[in-house]
């Protein structure tokens, strides 16, 4: 695979991880988000659910992901100062994202949002 296609594939996987997180939060709003990177053979996302989920929940999550994708909303990269990012992550009670933020040395932090600003992720 050439570099251009690899870049597109990584971007798709990165987007898919954000869609997964958005779907999970929509269905289970008390969920804590961990890290959710694109990796060589796909993507993953670490979640801490308020209560255990079952296999049947996976179908619900998949259905919600398809709804989000069907809206065809653009992803937008936005930036916040470190101070704004800390304030935002505290306000939405995402303690693991605050931990990840400590590992980012930049004073300006990038987030990704969907076109309807229904979801913002580090």
PDB file of N, CA and C in Angstrom:
ATOM      1  N   UNK A   1       0.848  -1.175   0.000  1.00  0.00           N
ATOM      2  CA  UNK A   1       0.000   0.000   0.000  1.00  0.00           C
ATOM      3  C   UNK A   1       0.895   1.240   0.000  1.00  0.00           C
ATOM      4  N   UNK A   2       0.561   2.210  -0.840  1.00  0.00           N
ATOM      5  CA  UNK A   2       1.379   3.415  -0.892  1.00  0.00           C
ATOM      6  C   UNK A   2       1.034   4.359   0.265  1.00  0.00           C
ATOM      7  N   UNK A   3       1.875   5.360   0.454  1.00  0.00           N
ATOM      8  CA  UNK A   3       1.719   6.288   1.588  1.00  0.00           C
ATOM      9  C   UNK A   3       0.378   7.005   1.589  1.00  0.00           C
ATOM     10  N   UNK A   4      -0.098   7.386   0.412  1.00  0.00           N
ATOM     11  CA  UNK A   4      -1.374   8.110   0.330  1.00  0.00           C
ATOM     12  C   UNK A   4      -2.528   7.232   0.815  1.00  0.00           C
ATOM     13  N   UNK A   5      -2.541   5.977   0.378  1.00  0.00           N
ATOM     14  CA  UNK A   5      -3.600   5.060   0.804  1.00  0.00           C
ATOM     15  C   UNK A   5      -3.482   4.715   2.281  1.00  0.00           C
ATOM     16  N   UNK A   6      -2.252   4.574   2.759  1.00  0.00           N
ATOM     17  CA  UNK A   6      -2.052   4.323   4.188  1.00  0.00           C
ATOM     18  C   UNK A   6      -2.581   5.481   5.016  1.00  0.00           C
ATOM     19  N   UNK A   7      -2.339   6.685   4.555  1.00  0.00           N
ATOM     20  CA  UNK A   7      -2.811   7.880   5.250  1.00  0.00           C
ATOM     21  C   UNK A   7      -4.341   7.923   5.277  1.00  0.00           C
ATOM     22  N   UNK A   8      -4.963   7.586   4.159  1.00  0.00           N
ATOM     23  CA  UNK A   8      -6.431   7.559   4.090  1.00  0.00           C
ATOM     24  C   UNK A   8      -6.994   6.492   5.019  1.00  0.00           C
ATOM     25  N   UNK A   9      -6.346   5.334   5.045  1.00  0.00           N
ATOM     26  CA  UNK A   9      -6.803   4.249   5.907  1.00  0.00           C
ATOM     27  C   UNK A   9      -6.678   4.642   7.374  1.00  0.00           C
ATOM     28  N   UNK A  10      -5.558   5.252   7.740  1.00  0.00           N
ATOM     29  CA  UNK A  10      -5.387   5.693   9.127  1.00  0.00           C
ATOM     30  C   UNK A  10      -6.446   6.734   9.499  1.00  0.00           C
ATOM     31  N   UNK A  11      -6.716   7.639   8.591  1.00  0.00           N
ATOM     32  CA  UNK A  11      -7.729   8.676   8.832  1.00  0.00           C
ATOM     33  C   UNK A  11      -9.111   8.039   9.029  1.00  0.00           C
ATOM     34  N   UNK A  12      -9.434   7.037   8.219  1.00  0.00           N
ATOM     35  CA  UNK A  12     -10.715   6.331   8.352  1.00  0.00           C
ATOM     36  C   UNK A  12     -10.812   5.624   9.697  1.00  0.00           C
ATOM     37  N   UNK A  13      -9.725   4.993  10.097  1.00  0.00           N
ATOM     38  CA  UNK A  13      -9.716   4.294  11.387  1.00  0.00           C
ATOM     39  C   UNK A  13      -9.826   5.279  12.544  1.00  0.00           C
ATOM     40  N   UNK A  14      -9.143   6.400  12.431  1.00  0.00           N
ATOM     41  CA  UNK A  14      -9.214   7.437  13.458  1.00  0.00           C
ATOM     42  C   UNK A  14     -10.647   7.955  13.563  1.00  0.00           C
ATOM     43  N   UNK A  15     -11.268   8.208  12.425  1.00  0.00           N
ATOM     44  CA  UNK A  15     -12.658   8.667  12.401  1.00  0.00           C
ATOM     45  C   UNK A  15     -13.585   7.623  13.012  1.00  0.00           C
ATOM     46  N   UNK A  16     -13.359   6.360  12.684  1.00  0.00           N
ATOM     47  CA  UNK A  16     -14.196   5.282  13.218  1.00  0.00           C
ATOM     48  C   UNK A  16     -14.101   5.209  14.740  1.00  0.00           C
ATOM     49  N   UNK A  17     -12.922   5.450  15.286  1.00  0.00           N
ATOM     50  CA  UNK A  17     -12.794   5.415  16.748  1.00  0.00           C
ATOM     51  C   UNK A  17     -13.596   6.546  17.384  1.00  0.00           C
ATOM     52  N   UNK A  18     -13.617   7.717  16.746  1.00  0.00           N
ATOM     53  CA  UNK A  18     -14.422   8.829  17.262  1.00  0.00           C
ATOM     54  C   UNK A  18     -15.917   8.525  17.146  1.00  0.00           C
ATOM     55  N   UNK A  19     -16.327   7.905  16.047  1.00  0.00           N
ATOM     56  CA  UNK A  19     -17.739   7.535  15.881  1.00  0.00           C
ATOM     57  C   UNK A  19     -18.135   6.516  16.952  1.00  0.00           C
ATOM     58  N   UNK A  20     -17.263   5.564  17.223  1.00  0.00           N
ATOM     59  CA  UNK A  20     -17.534   4.584  18.270  1.00  0.00           C
ATOM     60  C   UNK A  20     -17.720   5.276  19.617  1.00  0.00           C
ATOM     61  N   UNK A  21     -16.819   6.167  19.960  1.00  0.00           N
ATOM     62  CA  UNK A  21     -16.921   6.877  21.241  1.00  0.00           C
ATOM     63  C   UNK A  21     -18.190   7.720  21.305  1.00  0.00           C
ATOM     64  N   UNK A  22     -18.528   8.375  20.210  1.00  0.00           N
ATOM     65  CA  UNK A  22     -19.738   9.193  20.174  1.00  0.00           C
ATOM     66  C   UNK A  22     -20.975   8.319  20.385  1.00  0.00           C
ATOM     67  N   UNK A  23     -21.024   7.173  19.735  1.00  0.00           N
ATOM     68  CA  UNK A  23     -22.162   6.260  19.877  1.00  0.00           C
ATOM     69  C   UNK A  23     -22.273   5.746  21.307  1.00  0.00           C
ATOM     70  N   UNK A  24     -21.148   5.366  21.883  1.00  0.00           N
ATOM     71  CA  UNK A  24     -21.152   4.858  23.258  1.00  0.00           C
ATOM     72  C   UNK A  24     -21.656   5.929  24.220  1.00  0.00           C
ATOM     73  N   UNK A  25     -21.166   7.156  24.075  1.00  0.00           N
ATOM     74  CA  UNK A  25     -21.610   8.231  24.974  1.00  0.00           C
ATOM     75  C   UNK A  25     -23.086   8.571  24.790  1.00  0.00           C
ATOM     76  N   UNK A  26     -23.566   8.461  23.573  1.00  0.00           N
ATOM     77  CA  UNK A  26     -24.990   8.732  23.323  1.00  0.00           C
ATOM     78  C   UNK A  26     -25.854   7.704  24.053  1.00  0.00           C
ATOM     79  N   UNK A  27     -25.456   6.446  24.000  1.00  0.00           N
ATOM     80  CA  UNK A  27     -26.231   5.373  24.625  1.00  0.00           C
ATOM     81  C   UNK A  27     -25.957   5.228  26.117  1.00  0.00           C
ATOM     82  N   UNK A  28     -24.735   5.510  26.519  1.00  0.00           N
ATOM     83  CA  UNK A  28     -24.309   5.322  27.913  1.00  0.00           C
ATOM     84  C   UNK A  28     -23.566   6.578  28.359  1.00  0.00           C
ATOM     85  N   UNK A  29     -24.297   7.668  28.644  1.00  0.00           N
ATOM     86  CA  UNK A  29     -23.672   8.979  28.883  1.00  0.00           C
ATOM     87  C   UNK A  29     -22.715   9.052  30.073  1.00  0.00           C
ATOM     88  N   UNK A  30     -22.783   8.107  30.975  1.00  0.00           N
ATOM     89  CA  UNK A  30     -21.892   8.149  32.140  1.00  0.00           C
ATOM     90  C   UNK A  30     -20.570   7.433  31.888  1.00  0.00           C
ATOM     91  N   UNK A  31     -20.368   6.956  30.682  1.00  0.00           N
ATOM     92  CA  UNK A  31     -19.149   6.230  30.331  1.00  0.00           C
ATOM     93  C   UNK A  31     -17.942   7.161  30.362  1.00  0.00           C
ATOM     94  N   UNK A  32     -16.852   6.653  30.894  1.00  0.00           N
ATOM     95  CA  UNK A  32     -15.578   7.382  30.893  1.00  0.00           C
ATOM     96  C   UNK A  32     -14.778   6.918  29.682  1.00  0.00           C
ATOM     97  N   UNK A  33     -14.254   7.879  28.941  1.00  0.00           N
ATOM     98  CA  UNK A  33     -13.467   7.581  27.747  1.00  0.00           C
ATOM     99  C   UNK A  33     -11.989   7.519  28.089  1.00  0.00           C
ATOM    100  N   UNK A  34     -11.330   6.508  27.551  1.00  0.00           N
ATOM    101  CA  UNK A  34      -9.885   6.402  27.693  1.00  0.00           C
ATOM    102  C   UNK A  34      -9.231   6.845  26.397  1.00  0.00           C
ATOM    103  N   UNK A  35      -8.331   6.020  25.920  1.00  0.00           N
ATOM    104  CA  UNK A  35      -7.624   6.319  24.677  1.00  0.00           C
ATOM    105  C   UNK A  35      -8.307   5.553  23.543  1.00  0.00           C
ATOM    106  N   UNK A  36      -8.271   6.111  22.338  1.00  0.00           N
ATOM    107  CA  UNK A  36      -8.918   5.462  21.203  1.00  0.00           C
ATOM    108  C   UNK A  36      -8.185   5.697  19.904  1.00  0.00           C
ATOM    109  N   UNK A  37      -7.012   5.117  19.756  1.00  0.00           N
ATOM    110  CA  UNK A  37      -6.212   5.393  18.555  1.00  0.00           C
ATOM    111  C   UNK A  37      -6.492   4.446  17.386  1.00  0.00           C
ATOM    112  N   UNK A  38      -6.082   4.897  16.214  1.00  0.00           N
ATOM    113  CA  UNK A  38      -5.981   4.015  15.058  1.00  0.00           C
ATOM    114  C   UNK A  38      -4.686   3.220  15.243  1.00  0.00           C
ATOM    115  N   UNK A  39      -4.731   1.944  14.901  1.00  0.00           N
ATOM    116  CA  UNK A  39      -3.542   1.093  14.983  1.00  0.00           C
ATOM    117  C   UNK A  39      -3.345   0.405  13.632  1.00  0.00           C
ATOM    118  N   UNK A  40      -2.268  -0.359  13.495  1.00  0.00           N
ATOM    119  CA  UNK A  40      -1.914  -0.954  12.202  1.00  0.00           C
ATOM    120  C   UNK A  40      -3.029  -1.776  11.564  1.00  0.00           C
ATOM    121  N   UNK A  41      -3.790  -2.491  12.375  1.00  0.00           N
ATOM    122  CA  UNK A  41      -4.808  -3.366  11.790  1.00  0.00           C
ATOM    123  C   UNK A  41      -6.233  -2.987  12.201  1.00  0.00           C
ATOM    124  N   UNK A  42      -6.458  -1.723  12.530  1.00  0.00           N
ATOM    125  CA  UNK A  42      -7.805  -1.286  12.891  1.00  0.00           C
ATOM    126  C   UNK A  42      -7.766  -0.105  13.844  1.00  0.00           C
ATOM    127  N   UNK A  43      -8.562  -0.209  14.879  1.00  0.00           N
ATOM    128  CA  UNK A  43      -8.605   0.823  15.911  1.00  0.00           C
ATOM    129  C   UNK A  43      -9.194   0.194  17.166  1.00  0.00           C
ATOM    130  N   UNK A  44      -9.057   0.884  18.279  1.00  0.00           N
ATOM    131  CA  UNK A  44      -9.720   0.442  19.503  1.00  0.00           C
ATOM    132  C   UNK A  44     -10.030   1.667  20.334  1.00  0.00           C
ATOM    133  N   UNK A  45     -10.829   1.467  21.356  1.00  0.00           N
ATOM    134  CA  UNK A  45     -11.147   2.552  22.279  1.00  0.00           C
ATOM    135  C   UNK A  45     -11.345   1.933  23.650  1.00  0.00           C
ATOM    136  N   UNK A  46     -10.694   2.498  24.649  1.00  0.00           N
ATOM    137  CA  UNK A  46     -10.872   2.039  26.027  1.00  0.00           C
ATOM    138  C   UNK A  46     -12.030   2.800  26.658  1.00  0.00           C
ATOM    139  N   UNK A  47     -12.957   2.050  27.241  1.00  0.00           N
ATOM    140  CA  UNK A  47     -14.106   2.639  27.918  1.00  0.00           C
ATOM    141  C   UNK A  47     -14.209   2.105  29.335  1.00  0.00           C
ATOM    142  N   UNK A  48     -14.710   2.933  30.225  1.00  0.00           N
ATOM    143  CA  UNK A  48     -15.126   2.462  31.545  1.00  0.00           C
ATOM    144  C   UNK A  48     -16.617   2.750  31.641  1.00  0.00           C
ATOM    145  N   UNK A  49     -17.407   1.686  31.538  1.00  0.00           N
ATOM    146  CA  UNK A  49     -18.854   1.822  31.610  1.00  0.00           C
ATOM    147  C   UNK A  49     -19.290   1.904  33.068  1.00  0.00           C
ATOM    148  N   UNK A  50     -20.384   2.618  33.322  1.00  0.00           N
ATOM    149  CA  UNK A  50     -20.913   2.745  34.681  1.00  0.00           C
ATOM    150  C   UNK A  50     -21.376   1.384  35.197  1.00  0.00           C
ATOM    151  N   UNK A  51     -21.863   0.543  34.302  1.00  0.00           N
ATOM    152  CA  UNK A  51     -22.223  -0.832  34.648  1.00  0.00           C
ATOM    153  C   UNK A  51     -21.847  -1.711  33.460  1.00  0.00           C
ATOM    154  N   UNK A  52     -21.638  -2.991  33.710  1.00  0.00           N
ATOM    155  CA  UNK A  52     -21.178  -3.872  32.625  1.00  0.00           C
ATOM    156  C   UNK A  52     -22.149  -3.886  31.439  1.00  0.00           C
ATOM    157  N   UNK A  53     -21.589  -4.015  30.253  1.00  0.00           N
ATOM    158  CA  UNK A  53     -22.427  -4.166  29.069  1.00  0.00           C
ATOM    159  C   UNK A  53     -22.420  -5.634  28.668  1.00  0.00           C
ATOM    160  N   UNK A  54     -23.411  -5.985  27.847  1.00  0.00           N
ATOM    161  CA  UNK A  54     -23.540  -7.364  27.387  1.00  0.00           C
ATOM    162  C   UNK A  54     -23.392  -7.406  25.871  1.00  0.00           C
ATOM    163  N   UNK A  55     -23.354  -8.601  25.347  1.00  0.00           N
ATOM    164  CA  UNK A  55     -23.200  -8.760  23.903  1.00  0.00           C
ATOM    165  C   UNK A  55     -24.314  -8.041  23.144  1.00  0.00           C
ATOM    166  N   UNK A  56     -25.521  -8.052  23.679  1.00  0.00           N
ATOM    167  CA  UNK A  56     -26.644  -7.377  23.010  1.00  0.00           C
ATOM    168  C   UNK A  56     -26.408  -5.867  22.904  1.00  0.00           C
ATOM    169  N   UNK A  57     -25.644  -5.313  23.837  1.00  0.00           N
ATOM    170  CA  UNK A  57     -25.325  -3.885  23.782  1.00  0.00           C
ATOM    171  C   UNK A  57     -24.452  -3.551  22.572  1.00  0.00           C
ATOM    172  N   UNK A  58     -23.648  -4.497  22.140  1.00  0.00           N
ATOM    173  CA  UNK A  58     -22.773  -4.253  20.993  1.00  0.00           C
ATOM    174  C   UNK A  58     -23.585  -3.971  19.732  1.00  0.00           C
ATOM    175  N   UNK A  59     -24.709  -4.659  19.577  1.00  0.00           N
ATOM    176  CA  UNK A  59     -25.594  -4.413  18.427  1.00  0.00           C
ATOM    177  C   UNK A  59     -26.184  -3.010  18.506  1.00  0.00           C
ATOM    178  N   UNK A  60     -26.547  -2.580  19.719  1.00  0.00           N
ATOM    179  CA  UNK A  60     -27.086  -1.225  19.903  1.00  0.00           C
ATOM    180  C   UNK A  60     -26.029  -0.179  19.537  1.00  0.00           C
ATOM    181  N   UNK A  61     -24.809  -0.430  19.969  1.00  0.00           N
ATOM    182  CA  UNK A  61     -23.712   0.498  19.669  1.00  0.00           C
ATOM    183  C   UNK A  61     -23.473   0.553  18.163  1.00  0.00           C
ATOM    184  N   UNK A  62     -23.450  -0.610  17.529  1.00  0.00           N
ATOM    185  CA  UNK A  62     -23.258  -0.658  16.077  1.00  0.00           C
ATOM    186  C   UNK A  62     -24.367   0.113  15.353  1.00  0.00           C
ATOM    187  N   UNK A  63     -25.601  -0.075  15.789  1.00  0.00           N
ATOM    188  CA  UNK A  63     -26.742   0.621  15.178  1.00  0.00           C
ATOM    189  C   UNK A  63     -26.594   2.138  15.333  1.00  0.00           C
ATOM    190  N   UNK A  64     -26.171   2.574  16.518  1.00  0.00           N
ATOM    191  CA  UNK A  64     -25.979   4.009  16.762  1.00  0.00           C
ATOM    192  C   UNK A  64     -24.837   4.552  15.906  1.00  0.00           C
ATOM    193  N   UNK A  65     -23.776   3.776  15.748  1.00  0.00           N
ATOM    194  CA  UNK A  65     -22.672   4.195  14.883  1.00  0.00           C
ATOM    195  C   UNK A  65     -23.161   4.400  13.449  1.00  0.00           C
ATOM    196  N   UNK A  66     -23.991   3.487  12.972  1.00  0.00           N
ATOM    197  CA  UNK A  66     -24.519   3.602  11.608  1.00  0.00           C
ATOM    198  C   UNK A  66     -25.377   4.854  11.460  1.00  0.00           C
ATOM    199  N   UNK A  67     -26.150   5.194  12.497  1.00  0.00           N
ATOM    200  CA  UNK A  67     -26.958   6.423  12.465  1.00  0.00           C
ATOM    201  C   UNK A  67     -26.061   7.652  12.348  1.00  0.00           C
ATOM    202  N   UNK A  68     -25.006   7.662  13.134  1.00  0.00           N
ATOM    203  CA  UNK A  68     -24.066   8.793  13.120  1.00  0.00           C
ATOM    204  C   UNK A  68     -23.413   8.912  11.745  1.00  0.00           C
ATOM    205  N   UNK A  69     -22.967   7.789  11.210  1.00  0.00           N
ATOM    206  CA  UNK A  69     -22.308   7.782   9.903  1.00  0.00           C
ATOM    207  C   UNK A  69     -23.270   8.247   8.810  1.00  0.00           C
ATOM    208  N   UNK A  70     -24.520   7.810   8.915  1.00  0.00           N
ATOM    209  CA  UNK A  70     -25.525   8.173   7.904  1.00  0.00           C
ATOM    210  C   UNK A  70     -25.756   9.685   7.839  1.00  0.00           C
ATOM    211  N   UNK A  71     -25.551  10.389   8.944  1.00  0.00           N
ATOM    212  CA  UNK A  71     -25.706  11.852   8.954  1.00  0.00           C
ATOM    213  C   UNK A  71     -24.651  12.529   8.083  1.00  0.00           C
ATOM    214  N   UNK A  72     -23.563  11.807   7.836  1.00  0.00           N
ATOM    215  CA  UNK A  72     -22.476  12.298   6.980  1.00  0.00           C
ATOM    216  C   UNK A  72     -21.949  13.669   7.429  1.00  0.00           C
ATOM    217  N   UNK A  73     -21.796  13.822   8.721  1.00  0.00           N
ATOM    218  CA  UNK A  73     -21.294  15.079   9.273  1.00  0.00           C
ATOM    219  C   UNK A  73     -19.776  15.139   9.141  1.00  0.00           C
ATOM    220  N   UNK A  74     -19.244  16.302   8.873  1.00  0.00           N
ATOM    221  CA  UNK A  74     -17.786  16.411   8.769  1.00  0.00           C
ATOM    222  C   UNK A  74     -17.133  16.377  10.150  1.00  0.00           C
ATOM    223  N   UNK A  75     -15.917  15.891  10.183  1.00  0.00           N
ATOM    224  CA  UNK A  75     -15.103  16.008  11.388  1.00  0.00           C
ATOM    225  C   UNK A  75     -14.329  17.307  11.261  1.00  0.00           C
ATOM    226  N   UNK A  76     -14.196  17.987  12.362  1.00  0.00           N
ATOM    227  CA  UNK A  76     -13.458  19.246  12.345  1.00  0.00           C
ATOM    228  C   UNK A  76     -12.450  19.230  13.482  1.00  0.00           C
ATOM    229  N   UNK A  77     -11.240  19.632  13.177  1.00  0.00           N
ATOM    230  CA  UNK A  77     -10.224  19.757  14.215  1.00  0.00           C
ATOM    231  C   UNK A  77     -10.344  21.159  14.802  1.00  0.00           C
ATOM    232  N   UNK A  78     -10.468  21.211  16.117  1.00  0.00           N
ATOM    233  CA  UNK A  78     -10.537  22.500  16.807  1.00  0.00           C
ATOM    234  C   UNK A  78      -9.408  22.548  17.829  1.00  0.00           C
ATOM    235  N   UNK A  79      -9.087  23.730  18.278  1.00  0.00           N
ATOM    236  CA  UNK A  79      -7.989  23.888  19.228  1.00  0.00           C
ATOM    237  C   UNK A  79      -8.467  24.632  20.461  1.00  0.00           C
ATOM    238  N   UNK A  80      -7.923  24.227  21.597  1.00  0.00           N
ATOM    239  CA  UNK A  80      -8.188  24.894  22.869  1.00  0.00           C
ATOM    240  C   UNK A  80      -6.857  25.119  23.557  1.00  0.00           C
ATOM    241  N   UNK A  81      -6.800  26.167  24.339  1.00  0.00           N
ATOM    242  CA  UNK A  81      -5.617  26.345  25.176  1.00  0.00           C
ATOM    243  C   UNK A  81      -5.619  25.211  26.199  1.00  0.00           C
ATOM    244  N   UNK A  82      -4.471  24.944  26.768  1.00  0.00           N
ATOM    245  CA  UNK A  82      -4.383  23.901  27.793  1.00  0.00           C
ATOM    246  C   UNK A  82      -5.386  24.179  28.914  1.00  0.00           C
ATOM    247  N   UNK A  83      -5.471  25.432  29.341  1.00  0.00           N
ATOM    248  CA  UNK A  83      -6.388  25.814  30.420  1.00  0.00           C
ATOM    249  C   UNK A  83      -7.846  25.540  30.033  1.00  0.00           C
ATOM    250  N   UNK A  84      -8.225  25.906  28.803  1.00  0.00           N
ATOM    251  CA  UNK A  84      -9.591  25.644  28.323  1.00  0.00           C
ATOM    252  C   UNK A  84      -9.861  24.142  28.253  1.00  0.00           C
ATOM    253  N   UNK A  85      -8.872  23.387  27.782  1.00  0.00           N
ATOM    254  CA  UNK A  85      -9.023  21.938  27.656  1.00  0.00           C
ATOM    255  C   UNK A  85      -9.239  21.296  29.020  1.00  0.00           C
ATOM    256  N   UNK A  86      -8.469  21.713  30.005  1.00  0.00           N
ATOM    257  CA  UNK A  86      -8.628  21.176  31.363  1.00  0.00           C
ATOM    258  C   UNK A  86     -10.021  21.500  31.886  1.00  0.00           C
ATOM    259  N   UNK A  87     -10.432  22.739  31.723  1.00  0.00           N
ATOM    260  CA  UNK A  87     -11.755  23.171  32.188  1.00  0.00           C
ATOM    261  C   UNK A  87     -12.863  22.364  31.497  1.00  0.00           C
ATOM    262  N   UNK A  88     -12.730  22.186  30.195  1.00  0.00           N
ATOM    263  CA  UNK A  88     -13.731  21.443  29.424  1.00  0.00           C
ATOM    264  C   UNK A  88     -13.808  19.985  29.881  1.00  0.00           C
ATOM    265  N   UNK A  89     -12.663  19.321  29.986  1.00  0.00           N
ATOM    266  CA  UNK A  89     -12.656  17.907  30.360  1.00  0.00           C
ATOM    267  C   UNK A  89     -13.162  17.695  31.782  1.00  0.00           C
ATOM    268  N   UNK A  90     -12.891  18.643  32.668  1.00  0.00           N
ATOM    269  CA  UNK A  90     -13.452  18.564  34.022  1.00  0.00           C
ATOM    270  C   UNK A  90     -14.966  18.731  33.980  1.00  0.00           C
ATOM    271  N   UNK A  91     -15.442  19.663  33.161  1.00  0.00           N
ATOM    272  CA  UNK A  91     -16.882  19.940  33.065  1.00  0.00           C
ATOM    273  C   UNK A  91     -17.662  18.732  32.554  1.00  0.00           C
ATOM    274  N   UNK A  92     -17.051  17.950  31.662  1.00  0.00           N
ATOM    275  CA  UNK A  92     -17.748  16.769  31.142  1.00  0.00           C
ATOM    276  C   UNK A  92     -17.342  15.494  31.889  1.00  0.00           C
ATOM    277  N   UNK A  93     -16.604  15.667  32.974  1.00  0.00           N
ATOM    278  CA  UNK A  93     -16.240  14.569  33.875  1.00  0.00           C
ATOM    279  C   UNK A  93     -15.515  13.423  33.155  1.00  0.00           C
ATOM    280  N   UNK A  94     -14.493  13.786  32.392  1.00  0.00           N
ATOM    281  CA  UNK A  94     -13.700  12.783  31.677  1.00  0.00           C
ATOM    282  C   UNK A  94     -12.283  12.734  32.259  1.00  0.00           C
ATOM    283  N   UNK A  95     -12.173  12.065  33.401  1.00  0.00           N
ATOM    284  CA  UNK A  95     -10.911  12.035  34.144  1.00  0.00           C
ATOM    285  C   UNK A  95      -9.762  11.357  33.389  1.00  0.00           C
ATOM    286  N   UNK A  96     -10.072  10.334  32.583  1.00  0.00           N
ATOM    287  CA  UNK A  96      -8.997   9.664  31.844  1.00  0.00           C
ATOM    288  C   UNK A  96      -8.449  10.562  30.735  1.00  0.00           C
ATOM    289  N   UNK A  97      -9.312  11.358  30.151  1.00  0.00           N
ATOM    290  CA  UNK A  97      -8.853  12.317  29.144  1.00  0.00           C
ATOM    291  C   UNK A  97      -7.963  13.375  29.799  1.00  0.00           C
ATOM    292  N   UNK A  98      -8.284  13.746  31.034  1.00  0.00           N
ATOM    293  CA  UNK A  98      -7.417  14.678  31.772  1.00  0.00           C
ATOM    294  C   UNK A  98      -6.037  14.068  31.973  1.00  0.00           C
ATOM    295  N   UNK A  99      -5.996  12.772  32.261  1.00  0.00           N
ATOM    296  CA  UNK A  99      -4.713  12.078  32.411  1.00  0.00           C
ATOM    297  C   UNK A  99      -3.937  12.099  31.093  1.00  0.00           C
ATOM    298  N   UNK A 100      -4.634  11.840  29.990  1.00  0.00           N
ATOM    299  CA  UNK A 100      -3.979  11.872  28.676  1.00  0.00           C
ATOM    300  C   UNK A 100      -3.455  13.264  28.355  1.00  0.00           C
ATOM    301  N   UNK A 101      -4.198  14.267  28.765  1.00  0.00           N
ATOM    302  CA  UNK A 101      -3.799  15.652  28.512  1.00  0.00           C
ATOM    303  C   UNK A 101      -2.452  15.973  29.160  1.00  0.00           C
ATOM    304  N   UNK A 102      -2.181  15.355  30.301  1.00  0.00           N
ATOM    305  CA  UNK A 102      -0.901  15.576  30.987  1.00  0.00           C
ATOM    306  C   UNK A 102       0.282  15.131  30.131  1.00  0.00           C
ATOM    307  N   UNK A 103       0.038  14.173  29.225  1.00  0.00           N
ATOM    308  CA  UNK A 103       1.102  13.647  28.373  1.00  0.00           C
ATOM    309  C   UNK A 103       1.308  14.482  27.108  1.00  0.00           C
ATOM    310  N   UNK A 104       0.448  15.464  26.889  1.00  0.00           N
ATOM    311  CA  UNK A 104       0.553  16.322  25.708  1.00  0.00           C
ATOM    312  C   UNK A 104       1.272  17.602  26.121  1.00  0.00           C
ATOM    313  N   UNK A 105       2.473  17.829  25.597  1.00  0.00           N
ATOM    314  CA  UNK A 105       3.263  18.978  26.056  1.00  0.00           C
ATOM    315  C   UNK A 105       2.810  20.328  25.498  1.00  0.00           C
ATOM    316  N   UNK A 106       2.013  20.306  24.452  1.00  0.00           N
ATOM    317  CA  UNK A 106       1.639  21.552  23.777  1.00  0.00           C
ATOM    318  C   UNK A 106       0.742  22.434  24.641  1.00  0.00           C
ATOM    319  N   UNK A 107       0.897  23.731  24.460  1.00  0.00           N
ATOM    320  CA  UNK A 107       0.033  24.695  25.148  1.00  0.00           C
ATOM    321  C   UNK A 107      -1.326  24.794  24.473  1.00  0.00           C
ATOM    322  N   UNK A 108      -1.359  24.477  23.178  1.00  0.00           N
ATOM    323  CA  UNK A 108      -2.620  24.447  22.451  1.00  0.00           C
ATOM    324  C   UNK A 108      -2.921  22.983  22.139  1.00  0.00           C
ATOM    325  N   UNK A 109      -4.125  22.548  22.457  1.00  0.00           N
ATOM    326  CA  UNK A 109      -4.483  21.137  22.363  1.00  0.00           C
ATOM    327  C   UNK A 109      -5.540  20.953  21.277  1.00  0.00           C
ATOM    328  N   UNK A 110      -5.354  19.932  20.437  1.00  0.00           N
ATOM    329  CA  UNK A 110      -6.335  19.694  19.378  1.00  0.00           C
ATOM    330  C   UNK A 110      -7.398  18.706  19.836  1.00  0.00           C
ATOM    331  N   UNK A 111      -8.611  19.006  19.441  1.00  0.00           N
ATOM    332  CA  UNK A 111      -9.768  18.154  19.673  1.00  0.00           C
ATOM    333  C   UNK A 111     -10.431  17.933  18.324  1.00  0.00           C
ATOM    334  N   UNK A 112     -11.278  16.918  18.255  1.00  0.00           N
ATOM    335  CA  UNK A 112     -12.057  16.674  17.050  1.00  0.00           C
ATOM    336  C   UNK A 112     -13.528  16.717  17.421  1.00  0.00           C
ATOM    337  N   UNK A 113     -14.304  17.321  16.538  1.00  0.00           N
ATOM    338  CA  UNK A 113     -15.739  17.431  16.755  1.00  0.00           C
ATOM    339  C   UNK A 113     -16.469  17.030  15.481  1.00  0.00           C
ATOM    340  N   UNK A 114     -17.715  16.595  15.657  1.00  0.00           N
ATOM    341  CA  UNK A 114     -18.538  16.329  14.483  1.00  0.00           C
ATOM    342  C   UNK A 114     -19.225  17.624  14.085  1.00  0.00           C
ATOM    343  N   UNK A 115     -19.754  17.656  12.886  1.00  0.00           N
ATOM    344  CA  UNK A 115     -20.359  18.863  12.337  1.00  0.00           C
ATOM    345  C   UNK A 115     -21.459  19.467  13.174  1.00  0.00           C
ATOM    346  N   UNK A 116     -22.128  18.661  13.986  1.00  0.00           N
ATOM    347  CA  UNK A 116     -23.202  19.205  14.815  1.00  0.00           C
ATOM    348  C   UNK A 116     -22.728  19.542  16.227  1.00  0.00           C
ATOM    349  N   UNK A 117     -21.423  19.431  16.463  1.00  0.00           N
ATOM    350  CA  UNK A 117     -20.817  19.686  17.780  1.00  0.00           C
ATOM    351  C   UNK A 117     -21.460  18.866  18.891  1.00  0.00           C
ATOM    352  N   UNK A 118     -22.055  17.743  18.507  1.00  0.00           N
ATOM    353  CA  UNK A 118     -22.685  16.845  19.466  1.00  0.00           C
ATOM    354  C   UNK A 118     -21.627  16.063  20.240  1.00  0.00           C
ATOM    355  N   UNK A 119     -20.428  16.040  19.707  1.00  0.00           N
ATOM    356  CA  UNK A 119     -19.363  15.234  20.295  1.00  0.00           C
ATOM    357  C   UNK A 119     -18.031  15.928  20.064  1.00  0.00           C
ATOM    358  N   UNK A 120     -17.255  16.042  21.121  1.00  0.00           N
ATOM    359  CA  UNK A 120     -15.908  16.610  21.037  1.00  0.00           C
ATOM    360  C   UNK A 120     -14.977  15.652  21.758  1.00  0.00           C
ATOM    361  N   UNK A 121     -13.874  15.305  21.116  1.00  0.00           N
ATOM    362  CA  UNK A 121     -12.953  14.334  21.701  1.00  0.00           C
ATOM    363  C   UNK A 121     -11.514  14.794  21.518  1.00  0.00           C
ATOM    364  N   UNK A 122     -10.700  14.449  22.473  1.00  0.00           N
ATOM    365  CA  UNK A 122      -9.275  14.772  22.482  1.00  0.00           C
ATOM    366  C   UNK A 122      -8.563  13.994  21.395  1.00  0.00           C
TER     367      UNK A 122
END
